[in-house]
Amino acid sequence: MRLLFDQNLSPKLVELLRDVFPGSSHLALEGLDRAPDAEIFEYARERGYTIVTKDADFHELSRKPGAAPKVIWLGLGNCATRRIEELMRERLEEITVMDDAPKARILRLLP
């Protein structure tokens, strides 16, 4: 599974989680840091990324009919990047199950 981290998350997560999510990226690294959500959504869909965000907007986009990228919606407020890394590692099994489920579109991760 390749993740695409939203602008509201640190680009450091790409390196911190490289061992479990190789090939992941961040919007800033893809030149999409100022792109509208719909463009990001399409970019992720075309390239097989799962979007990781704290933003509810991608949740709304994922509910529209048609092919869509999967979304991991983090239910964390302001916190350290290390806490996000920990949550992703703690919930790796759930993330993998979601990735393997063809009809799954969104996974809400709460601490």
N, C-alpha and C. Protein backbone atom coordinates (compact mmCIF):
# COMPACT_ATOMS: atom_id res chain seq x y z
N MET A 1 0.85 -1.17 0.00
CA MET A 1 0.00 0.00 0.00
C MET A 1 0.89 1.23 0.00
N ARG A 2 0.58 2.14 -0.90
CA ARG A 2 1.30 3.41 -0.96
C ARG A 2 0.38 4.51 -0.44
N LEU A 3 0.90 5.29 0.47
CA LEU A 3 0.12 6.36 1.08
C LEU A 3 0.51 7.71 0.48
N LEU A 4 -0.46 8.60 0.42
CA LEU A 4 -0.23 9.98 0.02
C LEU A 4 -0.70 10.86 1.18
N PHE A 5 0.28 11.44 1.88
CA PHE A 5 -0.03 12.24 3.07
C PHE A 5 -0.48 13.63 2.67
N ASP A 6 -1.56 14.07 3.27
CA ASP A 6 -2.16 15.37 3.02
C ASP A 6 -1.26 16.49 3.56
N GLN A 7 -1.53 17.68 3.09
CA GLN A 7 -0.77 18.86 3.47
C GLN A 7 -0.82 19.11 4.99
N ASN A 8 -1.89 18.70 5.65
CA ASN A 8 -2.02 18.94 7.09
C ASN A 8 -1.19 17.97 7.93
N LEU A 9 -0.40 17.12 7.27
CA LEU A 9 0.48 16.17 7.95
C LEU A 9 1.92 16.44 7.54
N SER A 10 2.84 16.07 8.39
CA SER A 10 4.26 16.34 8.14
C SER A 10 4.81 15.44 7.03
N PRO A 11 5.62 16.02 6.12
CA PRO A 11 6.31 15.21 5.12
C PRO A 11 7.27 14.19 5.74
N LYS A 12 7.65 14.39 6.99
CA LYS A 12 8.54 13.45 7.68
C LYS A 12 7.92 12.07 7.81
N LEU A 13 6.59 11.99 7.74
CA LEU A 13 5.91 10.69 7.87
C LEU A 13 6.29 9.73 6.73
N VAL A 14 6.63 10.27 5.58
CA VAL A 14 7.03 9.42 4.45
C VAL A 14 8.24 8.58 4.86
N GLU A 15 9.23 9.23 5.45
CA GLU A 15 10.45 8.52 5.87
C GLU A 15 10.20 7.68 7.12
N LEU A 16 9.46 8.22 8.08
CA LEU A 16 9.22 7.51 9.33
C LEU A 16 8.47 6.18 9.12
N LEU A 17 7.63 6.13 8.10
CA LEU A 17 6.81 4.93 7.86
C LEU A 17 7.25 4.16 6.61
N ARG A 18 8.40 4.49 6.08
CA ARG A 18 8.89 3.84 4.84
C ARG A 18 8.99 2.33 4.98
N ASP A 19 9.32 1.83 6.16
CA ASP A 19 9.47 0.38 6.33
C ASP A 19 8.16 -0.38 6.20
N VAL A 20 7.04 0.24 6.53
CA VAL A 20 5.75 -0.44 6.42
C VAL A 20 4.90 0.06 5.25
N PHE A 21 5.21 1.24 4.74
CA PHE A 21 4.48 1.80 3.60
C PHE A 21 5.47 2.32 2.55
N PRO A 22 6.25 1.43 1.94
CA PRO A 22 7.22 1.88 0.94
C PRO A 22 6.51 2.49 -0.27
N GLY A 23 7.15 3.45 -0.90
CA GLY A 23 6.58 4.08 -2.08
C GLY A 23 5.58 5.16 -1.77
N SER A 24 5.45 5.53 -0.49
CA SER A 24 4.52 6.57 -0.10
C SER A 24 5.11 7.94 -0.42
N SER A 25 4.24 8.95 -0.37
CA SER A 25 4.68 10.30 -0.68
C SER A 25 3.84 11.32 0.11
N HIS A 26 4.13 12.56 -0.12
CA HIS A 26 3.44 13.68 0.52
C HIS A 26 3.04 14.66 -0.57
N LEU A 27 1.95 15.36 -0.38
CA LEU A 27 1.49 16.31 -1.39
C LEU A 27 2.58 17.29 -1.81
N ALA A 28 3.35 17.79 -0.85
CA ALA A 28 4.40 18.75 -1.17
C ALA A 28 5.46 18.11 -2.08
N LEU A 29 5.77 16.85 -1.87
CA LEU A 29 6.76 16.16 -2.68
C LEU A 29 6.26 15.91 -4.10
N GLU A 30 4.95 15.88 -4.27
CA GLU A 30 4.33 15.65 -5.57
C GLU A 30 3.96 16.95 -6.28
N GLY A 31 4.27 18.09 -5.63
CA GLY A 31 3.93 19.38 -6.23
C GLY A 31 2.45 19.71 -6.15
N LEU A 32 1.76 19.10 -5.20
CA LEU A 32 0.31 19.28 -5.06
C LEU A 32 -0.07 20.03 -3.79
N ASP A 33 0.87 20.72 -3.17
CA ASP A 33 0.59 21.36 -1.89
C ASP A 33 -0.45 22.47 -1.99
N ARG A 34 -0.70 23.00 -3.16
CA ARG A 34 -1.72 24.04 -3.32
C ARG A 34 -2.90 23.58 -4.20
N ALA A 35 -2.92 22.31 -4.53
CA ALA A 35 -3.96 21.76 -5.40
C ALA A 35 -5.28 21.62 -4.66
N PRO A 36 -6.40 21.80 -5.36
CA PRO A 36 -7.70 21.58 -4.73
C PRO A 36 -7.91 20.09 -4.42
N ASP A 37 -8.76 19.83 -3.46
CA ASP A 37 -9.00 18.45 -3.02
C ASP A 37 -9.41 17.53 -4.17
N ALA A 38 -10.25 18.00 -5.07
CA ALA A 38 -10.70 17.15 -6.18
C ALA A 38 -9.53 16.73 -7.06
N GLU A 39 -8.58 17.62 -7.28
CA GLU A 39 -7.40 17.29 -8.09
C GLU A 39 -6.52 16.27 -7.36
N ILE A 40 -6.35 16.45 -6.07
CA ILE A 40 -5.57 15.51 -5.26
C ILE A 40 -6.24 14.14 -5.27
N PHE A 41 -7.54 14.13 -5.14
CA PHE A 41 -8.31 12.90 -5.13
C PHE A 41 -8.10 12.13 -6.44
N GLU A 42 -8.16 12.82 -7.56
CA GLU A 42 -7.98 12.20 -8.86
C GLU A 42 -6.54 11.72 -9.03
N TYR A 43 -5.58 12.50 -8.59
CA TYR A 43 -4.17 12.13 -8.65
C TYR A 43 -3.94 10.82 -7.89
N ALA A 44 -4.48 10.74 -6.69
CA ALA A 44 -4.33 9.53 -5.88
C ALA A 44 -5.00 8.34 -6.54
N ARG A 45 -6.18 8.54 -7.09
CA ARG A 45 -6.90 7.45 -7.76
C ARG A 45 -6.10 6.92 -8.94
N GLU A 46 -5.60 7.82 -9.78
CA GLU A 46 -4.87 7.41 -10.98
C GLU A 46 -3.57 6.67 -10.66
N ARG A 47 -2.95 6.99 -9.53
CA ARG A 47 -1.64 6.43 -9.21
C ARG A 47 -1.67 5.36 -8.12
N GLY A 48 -2.87 5.02 -7.65
CA GLY A 48 -3.00 3.94 -6.68
C GLY A 48 -2.58 4.29 -5.27
N TYR A 49 -2.69 5.55 -4.91
CA TYR A 49 -2.37 5.98 -3.55
C TYR A 49 -3.61 5.87 -2.66
N THR A 50 -3.38 5.65 -1.38
CA THR A 50 -4.39 5.82 -0.34
C THR A 50 -4.08 7.15 0.32
N ILE A 51 -5.06 8.03 0.41
CA ILE A 51 -4.88 9.35 1.01
C ILE A 51 -4.95 9.23 2.52
N VAL A 52 -4.01 9.88 3.21
CA VAL A 52 -4.02 9.95 4.67
C VAL A 52 -4.21 11.42 5.04
N THR A 53 -5.22 11.71 5.83
CA THR A 53 -5.58 13.09 6.12
C THR A 53 -6.23 13.24 7.49
N LYS A 54 -6.28 14.46 7.96
CA LYS A 54 -7.09 14.81 9.14
C LYS A 54 -8.34 15.56 8.70
N ASP A 55 -8.47 15.78 7.41
CA ASP A 55 -9.49 16.63 6.82
C ASP A 55 -10.74 15.82 6.42
N ALA A 56 -11.90 16.28 6.79
CA ALA A 56 -13.16 15.59 6.45
C ALA A 56 -13.52 15.72 4.98
N ASP A 57 -12.91 16.65 4.26
CA ASP A 57 -13.27 16.86 2.85
C ASP A 57 -13.06 15.62 2.00
N PHE A 58 -11.98 14.89 2.24
CA PHE A 58 -11.73 13.68 1.46
C PHE A 58 -12.74 12.60 1.78
N HIS A 59 -13.24 12.59 3.01
CA HIS A 59 -14.30 11.65 3.37
C HIS A 59 -15.52 11.90 2.50
N GLU A 60 -15.87 13.15 2.33
CA GLU A 60 -17.03 13.50 1.51
C GLU A 60 -16.81 13.10 0.05
N LEU A 61 -15.62 13.36 -0.48
CA LEU A 61 -15.32 12.99 -1.86
C LEU A 61 -15.38 11.48 -2.06
N SER A 62 -14.96 10.72 -1.05
CA SER A 62 -14.93 9.26 -1.19
C SER A 62 -16.33 8.65 -1.21
N ARG A 63 -17.33 9.40 -0.83
CA ARG A 63 -18.70 8.89 -0.79
C ARG A 63 -19.40 9.00 -2.13
N LYS A 64 -18.81 9.74 -3.08
CA LYS A 64 -19.42 9.89 -4.40
C LYS A 64 -19.30 8.58 -5.17
N PRO A 65 -20.27 8.32 -6.04
CA PRO A 65 -20.23 7.08 -6.83
C PRO A 65 -19.01 7.05 -7.76
N GLY A 66 -18.58 5.85 -8.10
CA GLY A 66 -17.47 5.68 -9.03
C GLY A 66 -16.20 5.28 -8.33
N ALA A 67 -15.19 5.03 -9.14
CA ALA A 67 -13.89 4.62 -8.60
C ALA A 67 -13.28 5.75 -7.78
N ALA A 68 -12.73 5.39 -6.66
CA ALA A 68 -12.16 6.39 -5.77
C ALA A 68 -10.96 5.81 -5.05
N PRO A 69 -10.01 6.67 -4.69
CA PRO A 69 -8.92 6.16 -3.86
C PRO A 69 -9.44 5.91 -2.46
N LYS A 70 -8.76 5.07 -1.74
CA LYS A 70 -9.12 4.85 -0.34
C LYS A 70 -8.59 6.01 0.48
N VAL A 71 -9.23 6.22 1.63
CA VAL A 71 -8.87 7.34 2.50
C VAL A 71 -8.72 6.83 3.93
N ILE A 72 -7.62 7.21 4.56
CA ILE A 72 -7.43 6.99 5.99
C ILE A 72 -7.61 8.35 6.64
N TRP A 73 -8.67 8.46 7.44
CA TRP A 73 -9.05 9.72 8.06
C TRP A 73 -8.63 9.65 9.53
N LEU A 74 -7.64 10.44 9.89
CA LEU A 74 -7.10 10.42 11.25
C LEU A 74 -7.91 11.31 12.17
N GLY A 75 -8.36 10.74 13.27
CA GLY A 75 -9.15 11.48 14.25
C GLY A 75 -8.28 12.02 15.37
N LEU A 76 -7.22 12.68 15.01
CA LEU A 76 -6.31 13.27 16.00
C LEU A 76 -6.34 14.78 15.85
N GLY A 77 -6.30 15.48 16.95
CA GLY A 77 -6.17 16.93 16.90
C GLY A 77 -4.71 17.28 16.70
N ASN A 78 -4.34 18.45 17.15
CA ASN A 78 -2.93 18.83 17.08
C ASN A 78 -2.12 17.86 17.92
N CYS A 79 -1.10 17.29 17.31
CA CYS A 79 -0.26 16.34 18.01
C CYS A 79 1.09 16.25 17.30
N ALA A 80 2.02 15.61 17.95
CA ALA A 80 3.34 15.44 17.37
C ALA A 80 3.28 14.44 16.22
N THR A 81 4.17 14.61 15.27
CA THR A 81 4.28 13.69 14.14
C THR A 81 4.53 12.27 14.62
N ARG A 82 5.31 12.13 15.67
CA ARG A 82 5.58 10.79 16.23
C ARG A 82 4.30 10.11 16.68
N ARG A 83 3.33 10.86 17.18
CA ARG A 83 2.05 10.27 17.62
C ARG A 83 1.28 9.73 16.42
N ILE A 84 1.34 10.43 15.31
CA ILE A 84 0.68 9.94 14.10
C ILE A 84 1.37 8.67 13.62
N GLU A 85 2.69 8.67 13.64
CA GLU A 85 3.43 7.47 13.28
C GLU A 85 3.02 6.30 14.17
N GLU A 86 2.96 6.52 15.47
CA GLU A 86 2.58 5.47 16.41
C GLU A 86 1.19 4.92 16.10
N LEU A 87 0.24 5.82 15.85
CA LEU A 87 -1.13 5.39 15.55
C LEU A 87 -1.16 4.54 14.27
N MET A 88 -0.44 4.95 13.26
CA MET A 88 -0.41 4.20 12.01
C MET A 88 0.20 2.80 12.23
N ARG A 89 1.21 2.73 13.06
CA ARG A 89 1.83 1.43 13.34
C ARG A 89 0.92 0.56 14.22
N GLU A 90 0.28 1.19 15.21
CA GLU A 90 -0.62 0.45 16.10
C GLU A 90 -1.79 -0.15 15.33
N ARG A 91 -2.23 0.52 14.30
CA ARG A 91 -3.43 0.12 13.56
C ARG A 91 -3.11 -0.49 12.20
N LEU A 92 -1.87 -0.93 12.04
CA LEU A 92 -1.42 -1.48 10.76
C LEU A 92 -2.31 -2.62 10.26
N GLU A 93 -2.76 -3.48 11.17
CA GLU A 93 -3.61 -4.59 10.75
C GLU A 93 -4.92 -4.08 10.15
N GLU A 94 -5.55 -3.10 10.80
CA GLU A 94 -6.80 -2.53 10.27
C GLU A 94 -6.58 -1.88 8.92
N ILE A 95 -5.46 -1.19 8.78
CA ILE A 95 -5.13 -0.53 7.52
C ILE A 95 -4.97 -1.57 6.41
N THR A 96 -4.30 -2.66 6.72
CA THR A 96 -4.08 -3.73 5.74
C THR A 96 -5.41 -4.38 5.35
N VAL A 97 -6.27 -4.62 6.32
CA VAL A 97 -7.58 -5.21 6.03
C VAL A 97 -8.38 -4.28 5.12
N MET A 98 -8.36 -2.99 5.39
CA MET A 98 -9.07 -2.03 4.55
C MET A 98 -8.51 -2.05 3.14
N ASP A 99 -7.20 -2.10 3.02
CA ASP A 99 -6.56 -2.12 1.71
C ASP A 99 -6.96 -3.35 0.90
N ASP A 100 -7.11 -4.48 1.58
CA ASP A 100 -7.45 -5.73 0.91
C ASP A 100 -8.94 -5.86 0.59
N ALA A 101 -9.77 -5.00 1.15
CA ALA A 101 -11.21 -5.07 0.93
C ALA A 101 -11.59 -4.20 -0.28
N PRO A 102 -11.98 -4.82 -1.39
CA PRO A 102 -12.24 -4.06 -2.62
C PRO A 102 -13.28 -2.95 -2.48
N LYS A 103 -14.29 -3.16 -1.64
CA LYS A 103 -15.36 -2.17 -1.53
C LYS A 103 -15.09 -1.11 -0.45
N ALA A 104 -14.08 -1.32 0.37
CA ALA A 104 -13.77 -0.35 1.42
C ALA A 104 -13.24 0.94 0.79
N ARG A 105 -13.69 2.05 1.31
CA ARG A 105 -13.24 3.34 0.80
C ARG A 105 -12.58 4.21 1.85
N ILE A 106 -13.03 4.06 3.10
CA ILE A 106 -12.52 4.96 4.13
C ILE A 106 -12.33 4.20 5.44
N LEU A 107 -11.26 4.58 6.12
CA LEU A 107 -10.99 4.02 7.43
C LEU A 107 -10.77 5.19 8.37
N ARG A 108 -11.58 5.28 9.39
CA ARG A 108 -11.45 6.35 10.39
C ARG A 108 -10.61 5.80 11.54
N LEU A 109 -9.46 6.41 11.78
CA LEU A 109 -8.60 5.98 12.88
C LEU A 109 -8.68 6.97 14.02
N LEU A 110 -9.21 6.50 15.13
CA LEU A 110 -9.28 7.31 16.35
C LEU A 110 -8.27 6.77 17.34
N PRO A 111 -7.72 7.66 18.16
CA PRO A 111 -6.73 7.19 19.16
C PRO A 111 -7.36 6.28 20.20
